[in-house]
Amino acid sequence: MTTTTAPAGWVIPAEQLTWDRSDWIDAYQDVCSDTYASSVIWASDDRCLLAMPDLQRLLSQHGTTVAELQADLTAGQQQDAITLPITHAAQALAWLGY
């Protein structure tokens, strides 16, 4: 018997790996009208990367840490999941469940 596990909810679909900040803004505003997520994306740079203090603040607001995010992303990569950089705003939001 073989068991197959579903990818973690924070795994970004391959077609979204090359999106820029405007693509992510459009996705969060058009699809779910999530103004909080949009504000996080707007806080990032043009490549959608957050400064480390901003990432730490975002995760702290949700009761978690950069170390926990890194551990999950690393575990996913070891199972062949493709992830965005740890400071990528959309990766952090997806990991947080947005």
PDB file of N, CA and C in Angstrom:
ATOM      1  N   MET A   1       0.836  -1.170   0.000  1.00  0.00           N
ATOM      2  CA  MET A   1       0.000   0.000   0.000  1.00  0.00           C
ATOM      3  C   MET A   1       0.886   1.239   0.000  1.00  0.00           C
ATOM      4  N   THR A   2       0.554   2.172  -0.885  1.00  0.00           N
ATOM      5  CA  THR A   2       1.298   3.416  -0.983  1.00  0.00           C
ATOM      6  C   THR A   2       0.402   4.556  -0.544  1.00  0.00           C
ATOM      7  N   THR A   3       0.957   5.398   0.276  1.00  0.00           N
ATOM      8  CA  THR A   3       0.182   6.568   0.686  1.00  0.00           C
ATOM      9  C   THR A   3       0.715   7.793  -0.035  1.00  0.00           C
ATOM     10  N   THR A   4      -0.178   8.642  -0.429  1.00  0.00           N
ATOM     11  CA  THR A   4       0.193   9.880  -1.094  1.00  0.00           C
ATOM     12  C   THR A   4      -0.323  11.027  -0.254  1.00  0.00           C
ATOM     13  N   THR A   5       0.541  11.960   0.002  1.00  0.00           N
ATOM     14  CA  THR A   5       0.106  13.111   0.783  1.00  0.00           C
ATOM     15  C   THR A   5      -0.144  14.278  -0.156  1.00  0.00           C
ATOM     16  N   ALA A   6      -1.154  15.043   0.157  1.00  0.00           N
ATOM     17  CA  ALA A   6      -1.450  16.243  -0.624  1.00  0.00           C
ATOM     18  C   ALA A   6      -0.408  17.302  -0.304  1.00  0.00           C
ATOM     19  N   PRO A   7      -0.114  18.157  -1.261  1.00  0.00           N
ATOM     20  CA  PRO A   7       0.850  19.219  -0.969  1.00  0.00           C
ATOM     21  C   PRO A   7       0.309  20.135   0.121  1.00  0.00           C
ATOM     22  N   ALA A   8       1.216  20.696   0.869  1.00  0.00           N
ATOM     23  CA  ALA A   8       0.818  21.621   1.924  1.00  0.00           C
ATOM     24  C   ALA A   8       0.063  22.796   1.326  1.00  0.00           C
ATOM     25  N   GLY A   9      -0.814  23.385   2.096  1.00  0.00           N
ATOM     26  CA  GLY A   9      -1.619  24.488   1.614  1.00  0.00           C
ATOM     27  C   GLY A   9      -0.830  25.717   1.216  1.00  0.00           C
ATOM     28  N   TRP A  10       0.401  25.808   1.638  1.00  0.00           N
ATOM     29  CA  TRP A  10       1.218  26.976   1.326  1.00  0.00           C
ATOM     30  C   TRP A  10       2.054  26.796   0.067  1.00  0.00           C
ATOM     31  N   VAL A  11       1.941  25.647  -0.602  1.00  0.00           N
ATOM     32  CA  VAL A  11       2.697  25.432  -1.830  1.00  0.00           C
ATOM     33  C   VAL A  11       2.099  26.312  -2.922  1.00  0.00           C
ATOM     34  N   ILE A  12       2.934  27.117  -3.541  1.00  0.00           N
ATOM     35  CA  ILE A  12       2.505  28.045  -4.585  1.00  0.00           C
ATOM     36  C   ILE A  12       2.433  27.288  -5.913  1.00  0.00           C
ATOM     37  N   PRO A  13       1.323  27.404  -6.637  1.00  0.00           N
ATOM     38  CA  PRO A  13       1.233  26.741  -7.947  1.00  0.00           C
ATOM     39  C   PRO A  13       2.345  27.219  -8.884  1.00  0.00           C
ATOM     40  N   ALA A  14       2.853  26.309  -9.699  1.00  0.00           N
ATOM     41  CA  ALA A  14       3.988  26.613 -10.575  1.00  0.00           C
ATOM     42  C   ALA A  14       3.751  27.837 -11.444  1.00  0.00           C
ATOM     43  N   GLU A  15       2.529  28.014 -11.932  1.00  0.00           N
ATOM     44  CA  GLU A  15       2.272  29.156 -12.818  1.00  0.00           C
ATOM     45  C   GLU A  15       2.363  30.498 -12.094  1.00  0.00           C
ATOM     46  N   GLN A  16       2.379  30.482 -10.773  1.00  0.00           N
ATOM     47  CA  GLN A  16       2.473  31.727 -10.012  1.00  0.00           C
ATOM     48  C   GLN A  16       3.899  32.030  -9.552  1.00  0.00           C
ATOM     49  N   LEU A  17       4.836  31.159  -9.826  1.00  0.00           N
ATOM     50  CA  LEU A  17       6.199  31.350  -9.338  1.00  0.00           C
ATOM     51  C   LEU A  17       6.896  32.550  -9.974  1.00  0.00           C
ATOM     52  N   THR A  18       6.449  32.975 -11.130  1.00  0.00           N
ATOM     53  CA  THR A  18       7.094  34.101 -11.806  1.00  0.00           C
ATOM     54  C   THR A  18       6.291  35.391 -11.704  1.00  0.00           C
ATOM     55  N   TRP A  19       5.212  35.377 -10.927  1.00  0.00           N
ATOM     56  CA  TRP A  19       4.403  36.585 -10.782  1.00  0.00           C
ATOM     57  C   TRP A  19       5.199  37.704 -10.130  1.00  0.00           C
ATOM     58  N   ASP A  20       4.889  38.933 -10.523  1.00  0.00           N
ATOM     59  CA  ASP A  20       5.480  40.083  -9.853  1.00  0.00           C
ATOM     60  C   ASP A  20       4.462  40.665  -8.874  1.00  0.00           C
ATOM     61  N   ARG A  21       4.833  41.739  -8.230  1.00  0.00           N
ATOM     62  CA  ARG A  21       3.976  42.316  -7.198  1.00  0.00           C
ATOM     63  C   ARG A  21       2.602  42.691  -7.745  1.00  0.00           C
ATOM     64  N   SER A  22       2.541  43.253  -8.942  1.00  0.00           N
ATOM     65  CA  SER A  22       1.236  43.649  -9.482  1.00  0.00           C
ATOM     66  C   SER A  22       0.343  42.441  -9.736  1.00  0.00           C
ATOM     67  N   ASP A  23       0.931  41.306 -10.140  1.00  0.00           N
ATOM     68  CA  ASP A  23       0.137  40.083 -10.317  1.00  0.00           C
ATOM     69  C   ASP A  23      -0.466  39.633  -8.986  1.00  0.00           C
ATOM     70  N   TRP A  24       0.340  39.682  -7.922  1.00  0.00           N
ATOM     71  CA  TRP A  24      -0.143  39.260  -6.607  1.00  0.00           C
ATOM     72  C   TRP A  24      -1.202  40.219  -6.078  1.00  0.00           C
ATOM     73  N   ILE A  25      -1.000  41.519  -6.297  1.00  0.00           N
ATOM     74  CA  ILE A  25      -2.000  42.508  -5.884  1.00  0.00           C
ATOM     75  C   ILE A  25      -3.321  42.214  -6.578  1.00  0.00           C
ATOM     76  N   ASP A  26      -3.256  42.010  -7.889  1.00  0.00           N
ATOM     77  CA  ASP A  26      -4.466  41.706  -8.654  1.00  0.00           C
ATOM     78  C   ASP A  26      -5.151  40.456  -8.123  1.00  0.00           C
ATOM     79  N   ALA A  27      -4.369  39.440  -7.841  1.00  0.00           N
ATOM     80  CA  ALA A  27      -4.942  38.173  -7.367  1.00  0.00           C
ATOM     81  C   ALA A  27      -5.658  38.353  -6.033  1.00  0.00           C
ATOM     82  N   TYR A  28      -5.034  39.041  -5.102  1.00  0.00           N
ATOM     83  CA  TYR A  28      -5.657  39.210  -3.791  1.00  0.00           C
ATOM     84  C   TYR A  28      -6.844  40.168  -3.832  1.00  0.00           C
ATOM     85  N   GLN A  29      -6.781  41.201  -4.674  1.00  0.00           N
ATOM     86  CA  GLN A  29      -7.888  42.151  -4.747  1.00  0.00           C
ATOM     87  C   GLN A  29      -9.052  41.601  -5.560  1.00  0.00           C
ATOM     88  N   ASP A  30      -8.765  40.957  -6.684  1.00  0.00           N
ATOM     89  CA  ASP A  30      -9.821  40.492  -7.583  1.00  0.00           C
ATOM     90  C   ASP A  30     -10.481  39.205  -7.110  1.00  0.00           C
ATOM     91  N   VAL A  31      -9.682  38.284  -6.610  1.00  0.00           N
ATOM     92  CA  VAL A  31     -10.205  36.968  -6.266  1.00  0.00           C
ATOM     93  C   VAL A  31     -10.895  36.954  -4.912  1.00  0.00           C
ATOM     94  N   CYS A  32     -10.279  37.543  -3.911  1.00  0.00           N
ATOM     95  CA  CYS A  32     -10.867  37.428  -2.576  1.00  0.00           C
ATOM     96  C   CYS A  32     -11.059  38.763  -1.870  1.00  0.00           C
ATOM     97  N   SER A  33     -10.774  39.854  -2.540  1.00  0.00           N
ATOM     98  CA  SER A  33     -10.932  41.186  -1.943  1.00  0.00           C
ATOM     99  C   SER A  33     -10.285  41.279  -0.565  1.00  0.00           C
ATOM    100  N   ASP A  34      -9.128  40.661  -0.414  1.00  0.00           N
ATOM    101  CA  ASP A  34      -8.446  40.640   0.877  1.00  0.00           C
ATOM    102  C   ASP A  34      -7.535  41.866   1.010  1.00  0.00           C
ATOM    103  N   THR A  35      -8.008  42.882   1.709  1.00  0.00           N
ATOM    104  CA  THR A  35      -7.228  44.101   1.837  1.00  0.00           C
ATOM    105  C   THR A  35      -6.013  43.922   2.739  1.00  0.00           C
ATOM    106  N   TYR A  36      -6.099  43.026   3.747  1.00  0.00           N
ATOM    107  CA  TYR A  36      -4.940  42.789   4.606  1.00  0.00           C
ATOM    108  C   TYR A  36      -3.810  42.169   3.781  1.00  0.00           C
ATOM    109  N   ALA A  37      -4.134  41.134   3.019  1.00  0.00           N
ATOM    110  CA  ALA A  37      -3.115  40.489   2.184  1.00  0.00           C
ATOM    111  C   ALA A  37      -2.556  41.481   1.166  1.00  0.00           C
ATOM    112  N   SER A  38      -3.414  42.278   0.580  1.00  0.00           N
ATOM    113  CA  SER A  38      -2.947  43.285  -0.378  1.00  0.00           C
ATOM    114  C   SER A  38      -1.989  44.266   0.283  1.00  0.00           C
ATOM    115  N   SER A  39      -2.268  44.647   1.521  1.00  0.00           N
ATOM    116  CA  SER A  39      -1.379  45.588   2.215  1.00  0.00           C
ATOM    117  C   SER A  39      -0.012  44.956   2.467  1.00  0.00           C
ATOM    118  N   VAL A  40       0.018  43.658   2.717  1.00  0.00           N
ATOM    119  CA  VAL A  40       1.298  42.971   2.895  1.00  0.00           C
ATOM    120  C   VAL A  40       2.069  42.963   1.577  1.00  0.00           C
ATOM    121  N   ILE A  41       1.365  42.684   0.483  1.00  0.00           N
ATOM    122  CA  ILE A  41       2.025  42.689  -0.830  1.00  0.00           C
ATOM    123  C   ILE A  41       2.549  44.096  -1.137  1.00  0.00           C
ATOM    124  N   TRP A  42       1.755  45.124  -0.858  1.00  0.00           N
ATOM    125  CA  TRP A  42       2.198  46.500  -1.109  1.00  0.00           C
ATOM    126  C   TRP A  42       3.415  46.857  -0.263  1.00  0.00           C
ATOM    127  N   ALA A  43       3.578  46.247   0.886  1.00  0.00           N
ATOM    128  CA  ALA A  43       4.735  46.524   1.746  1.00  0.00           C
ATOM    129  C   ALA A  43       6.023  45.912   1.195  1.00  0.00           C
ATOM    130  N   SER A  44       5.893  45.047   0.208  1.00  0.00           N
ATOM    131  CA  SER A  44       7.067  44.399  -0.379  1.00  0.00           C
ATOM    132  C   SER A  44       7.670  45.264  -1.484  1.00  0.00           C
ATOM    133  N   ASP A  45       8.831  44.831  -1.973  1.00  0.00           N
ATOM    134  CA  ASP A  45       9.464  45.550  -3.080  1.00  0.00           C
ATOM    135  C   ASP A  45       8.884  45.057  -4.411  1.00  0.00           C
ATOM    136  N   ASP A  46       9.444  45.514  -5.520  1.00  0.00           N
ATOM    137  CA  ASP A  46       8.923  45.151  -6.842  1.00  0.00           C
ATOM    138  C   ASP A  46       8.979  43.648  -7.120  1.00  0.00           C
ATOM    139  N   ARG A  47       9.896  42.951  -6.465  1.00  0.00           N
ATOM    140  CA  ARG A  47      10.007  41.492  -6.639  1.00  0.00           C
ATOM    141  C   ARG A  47       9.142  40.749  -5.631  1.00  0.00           C
ATOM    142  N   CYS A  48       8.370  41.505  -4.853  1.00  0.00           N
ATOM    143  CA  CYS A  48       7.446  40.961  -3.857  1.00  0.00           C
ATOM    144  C   CYS A  48       8.169  40.433  -2.620  1.00  0.00           C
ATOM    145  N   LEU A  49       9.367  40.930  -2.380  1.00  0.00           N
ATOM    146  CA  LEU A  49      10.138  40.512  -1.214  1.00  0.00           C
ATOM    147  C   LEU A  49       9.965  41.513  -0.082  1.00  0.00           C
ATOM    148  N   LEU A  50       9.761  40.987   1.103  1.00  0.00           N
ATOM    149  CA  LEU A  50       9.652  41.812   2.309  1.00  0.00           C
ATOM    150  C   LEU A  50      11.029  41.979   2.944  1.00  0.00           C
ATOM    151  N   ALA A  51      11.253  43.105   3.568  1.00  0.00           N
ATOM    152  CA  ALA A  51      12.449  43.256   4.389  1.00  0.00           C
ATOM    153  C   ALA A  51      12.291  42.293   5.568  1.00  0.00           C
ATOM    154  N   MET A  52      13.387  41.754   6.063  1.00  0.00           N
ATOM    155  CA  MET A  52      13.318  40.781   7.152  1.00  0.00           C
ATOM    156  C   MET A  52      12.557  41.318   8.369  1.00  0.00           C
ATOM    157  N   PRO A  53      12.751  42.576   8.788  1.00  0.00           N
ATOM    158  CA  PRO A  53      11.961  43.071   9.919  1.00  0.00           C
ATOM    159  C   PRO A  53      10.449  43.058   9.627  1.00  0.00           C
ATOM    160  N   ASP A  54      10.074  43.333   8.389  1.00  0.00           N
ATOM    161  CA  ASP A  54       8.651  43.294   8.026  1.00  0.00           C
ATOM    162  C   ASP A  54       8.113  41.870   8.067  1.00  0.00           C
ATOM    163  N   LEU A  55       8.908  40.920   7.593  1.00  0.00           N
ATOM    164  CA  LEU A  55       8.498  39.511   7.661  1.00  0.00           C
ATOM    165  C   LEU A  55       8.358  39.075   9.113  1.00  0.00           C
ATOM    166  N   GLN A  56       9.325  39.436   9.933  1.00  0.00           N
ATOM    167  CA  GLN A  56       9.258  39.079  11.348  1.00  0.00           C
ATOM    168  C   GLN A  56       8.010  39.662  12.012  1.00  0.00           C
ATOM    169  N   ARG A  57       7.688  40.907  11.685  1.00  0.00           N
ATOM    170  CA  ARG A  57       6.508  41.568  12.256  1.00  0.00           C
ATOM    171  C   ARG A  57       5.229  40.870  11.785  1.00  0.00           C
ATOM    172  N   LEU A  58       5.144  40.550  10.498  1.00  0.00           N
ATOM    173  CA  LEU A  58       3.984  39.852   9.945  1.00  0.00           C
ATOM    174  C   LEU A  58       3.765  38.520  10.654  1.00  0.00           C
ATOM    175  N   LEU A  59       4.818  37.739  10.769  1.00  0.00           N
ATOM    176  CA  LEU A  59       4.690  36.425  11.401  1.00  0.00           C
ATOM    177  C   LEU A  59       4.373  36.560  12.887  1.00  0.00           C
ATOM    178  N   SER A  60       4.983  37.527  13.548  1.00  0.00           N
ATOM    179  CA  SER A  60       4.717  37.752  14.964  1.00  0.00           C
ATOM    180  C   SER A  60       3.248  38.103  15.206  1.00  0.00           C
ATOM    181  N   GLN A  61       2.665  38.884  14.301  1.00  0.00           N
ATOM    182  CA  GLN A  61       1.245  39.236  14.415  1.00  0.00           C
ATOM    183  C   GLN A  61       0.353  37.999  14.358  1.00  0.00           C
ATOM    184  N   HIS A  62       0.875  36.926  13.789  1.00  0.00           N
ATOM    185  CA  HIS A  62       0.121  35.681  13.657  1.00  0.00           C
ATOM    186  C   HIS A  62       0.612  34.606  14.626  1.00  0.00           C
ATOM    187  N   GLY A  63       1.450  35.011  15.590  1.00  0.00           N
ATOM    188  CA  GLY A  63       1.901  34.094  16.631  1.00  0.00           C
ATOM    189  C   GLY A  63       2.908  33.064  16.179  1.00  0.00           C
ATOM    190  N   THR A  64       3.699  33.402  15.184  1.00  0.00           N
ATOM    191  CA  THR A  64       4.688  32.457  14.694  1.00  0.00           C
ATOM    192  C   THR A  64       6.006  33.180  14.409  1.00  0.00           C
ATOM    193  N   THR A  65       6.998  32.435  13.956  1.00  0.00           N
ATOM    194  CA  THR A  65       8.340  32.999  13.772  1.00  0.00           C
ATOM    195  C   THR A  65       8.908  32.658  12.405  1.00  0.00           C
ATOM    196  N   VAL A  66       9.966  33.370  12.053  1.00  0.00           N
ATOM    197  CA  VAL A  66      10.684  33.088  10.810  1.00  0.00           C
ATOM    198  C   VAL A  66      11.251  31.666  10.854  1.00  0.00           C
ATOM    199  N   ALA A  67      11.713  31.242  12.010  1.00  0.00           N
ATOM    200  CA  ALA A  67      12.268  29.886  12.131  1.00  0.00           C
ATOM    201  C   ALA A  67      11.221  28.823  11.805  1.00  0.00           C
ATOM    202  N   GLU A  68       9.980  29.036  12.246  1.00  0.00           N
ATOM    203  CA  GLU A  68       8.917  28.071  11.938  1.00  0.00           C
ATOM    204  C   GLU A  68       8.593  28.064  10.447  1.00  0.00           C
ATOM    205  N   LEU A  69       8.533  29.247   9.840  1.00  0.00           N
ATOM    206  CA  LEU A  69       8.310  29.330   8.402  1.00  0.00           C
ATOM    207  C   LEU A  69       9.433  28.620   7.664  1.00  0.00           C
ATOM    208  N   GLN A  70      10.671  28.900   8.045  1.00  0.00           N
ATOM    209  CA  GLN A  70      11.824  28.280   7.380  1.00  0.00           C
ATOM    210  C   GLN A  70      11.787  26.767   7.521  1.00  0.00           C
ATOM    211  N   ALA A  71      11.444  26.267   8.683  1.00  0.00           N
ATOM    212  CA  ALA A  71      11.386  24.818   8.898  1.00  0.00           C
ATOM    213  C   ALA A  71      10.354  24.171   7.986  1.00  0.00           C
ATOM    214  N   ASP A  72       9.175  24.789   7.857  1.00  0.00           N
ATOM    215  CA  ASP A  72       8.143  24.226   6.985  1.00  0.00           C
ATOM    216  C   ASP A  72       8.538  24.290   5.517  1.00  0.00           C
ATOM    217  N   LEU A  73       9.130  25.406   5.103  1.00  0.00           N
ATOM    218  CA  LEU A  73       9.556  25.525   3.709  1.00  0.00           C
ATOM    219  C   LEU A  73      10.658  24.519   3.396  1.00  0.00           C
ATOM    220  N   THR A  74      11.582  24.349   4.311  1.00  0.00           N
ATOM    221  CA  THR A  74      12.658  23.373   4.122  1.00  0.00           C
ATOM    222  C   THR A  74      12.092  21.955   4.053  1.00  0.00           C
ATOM    223  N   ALA A  75      11.157  21.637   4.934  1.00  0.00           N
ATOM    224  CA  ALA A  75      10.519  20.310   4.902  1.00  0.00           C
ATOM    225  C   ALA A  75       9.804  20.091   3.574  1.00  0.00           C
ATOM    226  N   GLY A  76       9.142  21.119   3.085  1.00  0.00           N
ATOM    227  CA  GLY A  76       8.476  21.014   1.792  1.00  0.00           C
ATOM    228  C   GLY A  76       9.454  20.805   0.659  1.00  0.00           C
ATOM    229  N   GLN A  77      10.559  21.532   0.675  1.00  0.00           N
ATOM    230  CA  GLN A  77      11.575  21.384  -0.359  1.00  0.00           C
ATOM    231  C   GLN A  77      12.170  19.979  -0.343  1.00  0.00           C
ATOM    232  N   GLN A  78      12.295  19.393   0.821  1.00  0.00           N
ATOM    233  CA  GLN A  78      12.818  18.023   0.924  1.00  0.00           C
ATOM    234  C   GLN A  78      11.842  17.009   0.344  1.00  0.00           C
ATOM    235  N   GLN A  79      10.570  17.423   0.191  1.00  0.00           N
ATOM    236  CA  GLN A  79       9.561  16.566  -0.426  1.00  0.00           C
ATOM    237  C   GLN A  79       9.262  17.038  -1.848  1.00  0.00           C
ATOM    238  N   ASP A  80      10.216  17.779  -2.434  1.00  0.00           N
ATOM    239  CA  ASP A  80      10.156  18.265  -3.810  1.00  0.00           C
ATOM    240  C   ASP A  80       9.131  19.363  -4.060  1.00  0.00           C
ATOM    241  N   ALA A  81       8.653  20.017  -3.022  1.00  0.00           N
ATOM    242  CA  ALA A  81       7.790  21.180  -3.228  1.00  0.00           C
ATOM    243  C   ALA A  81       8.671  22.352  -3.648  1.00  0.00           C
ATOM    244  N   ILE A  82       8.174  23.128  -4.555  1.00  0.00           N
ATOM    245  CA  ILE A  82       8.899  24.319  -4.985  1.00  0.00           C
ATOM    246  C   ILE A  82       8.328  25.488  -4.200  1.00  0.00           C
ATOM    247  N   THR A  83       9.197  26.243  -3.582  1.00  0.00           N
ATOM    248  CA  THR A  83       8.751  27.368  -2.774  1.00  0.00           C
ATOM    249  C   THR A  83       9.410  28.650  -3.265  1.00  0.00           C
ATOM    250  N   LEU A  84       8.779  29.735  -2.946  1.00  0.00           N
ATOM    251  CA  LEU A  84       9.353  31.048  -3.205  1.00  0.00           C
ATOM    252  C   LEU A  84      10.335  31.365  -2.070  1.00  0.00           C
ATOM    253  N   PRO A  85      11.150  32.401  -2.228  1.00  0.00           N
ATOM    254  CA  PRO A  85      12.076  32.762  -1.152  1.00  0.00           C
ATOM    255  C   PRO A  85      11.333  33.018   0.165  1.00  0.00           C
ATOM    256  N   ILE A  86      12.007  32.793   1.261  1.00  0.00           N
ATOM    257  CA  ILE A  86      11.379  32.927   2.575  1.00  0.00           C
ATOM    258  C   ILE A  86      10.815  34.326   2.807  1.00  0.00           C
ATOM    259  N   THR A  87      11.435  35.357   2.233  1.00  0.00           N
ATOM    260  CA  THR A  87      10.946  36.718   2.438  1.00  0.00           C
ATOM    261  C   THR A  87       9.903  37.143   1.405  1.00  0.00           C
ATOM    262  N   HIS A  88       9.504  36.228   0.536  1.00  0.00           N
ATOM    263  CA  HIS A  88       8.488  36.558  -0.467  1.00  0.00           C
ATOM    264  C   HIS A  88       7.143  36.741   0.240  1.00  0.00           C
ATOM    265  N   ALA A  89       6.519  37.893   0.027  1.00  0.00           N
ATOM    266  CA  ALA A  89       5.271  38.221   0.717  1.00  0.00           C
ATOM    267  C   ALA A  89       4.180  37.191   0.444  1.00  0.00           C
ATOM    268  N   ALA A  90       4.033  36.771  -0.798  1.00  0.00           N
ATOM    269  CA  ALA A  90       2.977  35.805  -1.130  1.00  0.00           C
ATOM    270  C   ALA A  90       3.255  34.437  -0.509  1.00  0.00           C
ATOM    271  N   GLN A  91       4.519  34.058  -0.408  1.00  0.00           N
ATOM    272  CA  GLN A  91       4.854  32.777   0.220  1.00  0.00           C
ATOM    273  C   GLN A  91       4.491  32.813   1.693  1.00  0.00           C
ATOM    274  N   ALA A  92       4.822  33.915   2.352  1.00  0.00           N
ATOM    275  CA  ALA A  92       4.472  34.050   3.771  1.00  0.00           C
ATOM    276  C   ALA A  92       2.957  34.064   3.954  1.00  0.00           C
ATOM    277  N   LEU A  93       2.254  34.797   3.104  1.00  0.00           N
ATOM    278  CA  LEU A  93       0.798  34.853   3.205  1.00  0.00           C
ATOM    279  C   LEU A  93       0.168  33.474   2.971  1.00  0.00           C
ATOM    280  N   ALA A  94       0.655  32.767   1.962  1.00  0.00           N
ATOM    281  CA  ALA A  94       0.124  31.429   1.690  1.00  0.00           C
ATOM    282  C   ALA A  94       0.368  30.515   2.881  1.00  0.00           C
ATOM    283  N   TRP A  95       1.549  30.594   3.472  1.00  0.00           N
ATOM    284  CA  TRP A  95       1.884  29.762   4.632  1.00  0.00           C
ATOM    285  C   TRP A  95       0.991  30.105   5.809  1.00  0.00           C
ATOM    286  N   LEU A  96       0.609  31.383   5.924  1.00  0.00           N
ATOM    287  CA  LEU A  96      -0.277  31.803   7.005  1.00  0.00           C
ATOM    288  C   LEU A  96      -1.738  31.493   6.728  1.00  0.00           C
ATOM    289  N   GLY A  97      -2.032  31.049   5.517  1.00  0.00           N
ATOM    290  CA  GLY A  97      -3.394  30.652   5.186  1.00  0.00           C
ATOM    291  C   GLY A  97      -4.210  31.676   4.421  1.00  0.00           C
ATOM    292  N   TYR A  98      -3.571  32.694   3.895  1.00  0.00           N
ATOM    293  CA  TYR A  98      -4.290  33.708   3.110  1.00  0.00           C
ATOM    294  C   TYR A  98      -4.373  33.299   1.654  1.00  0.00           C
TER     295      TYR A  98
END
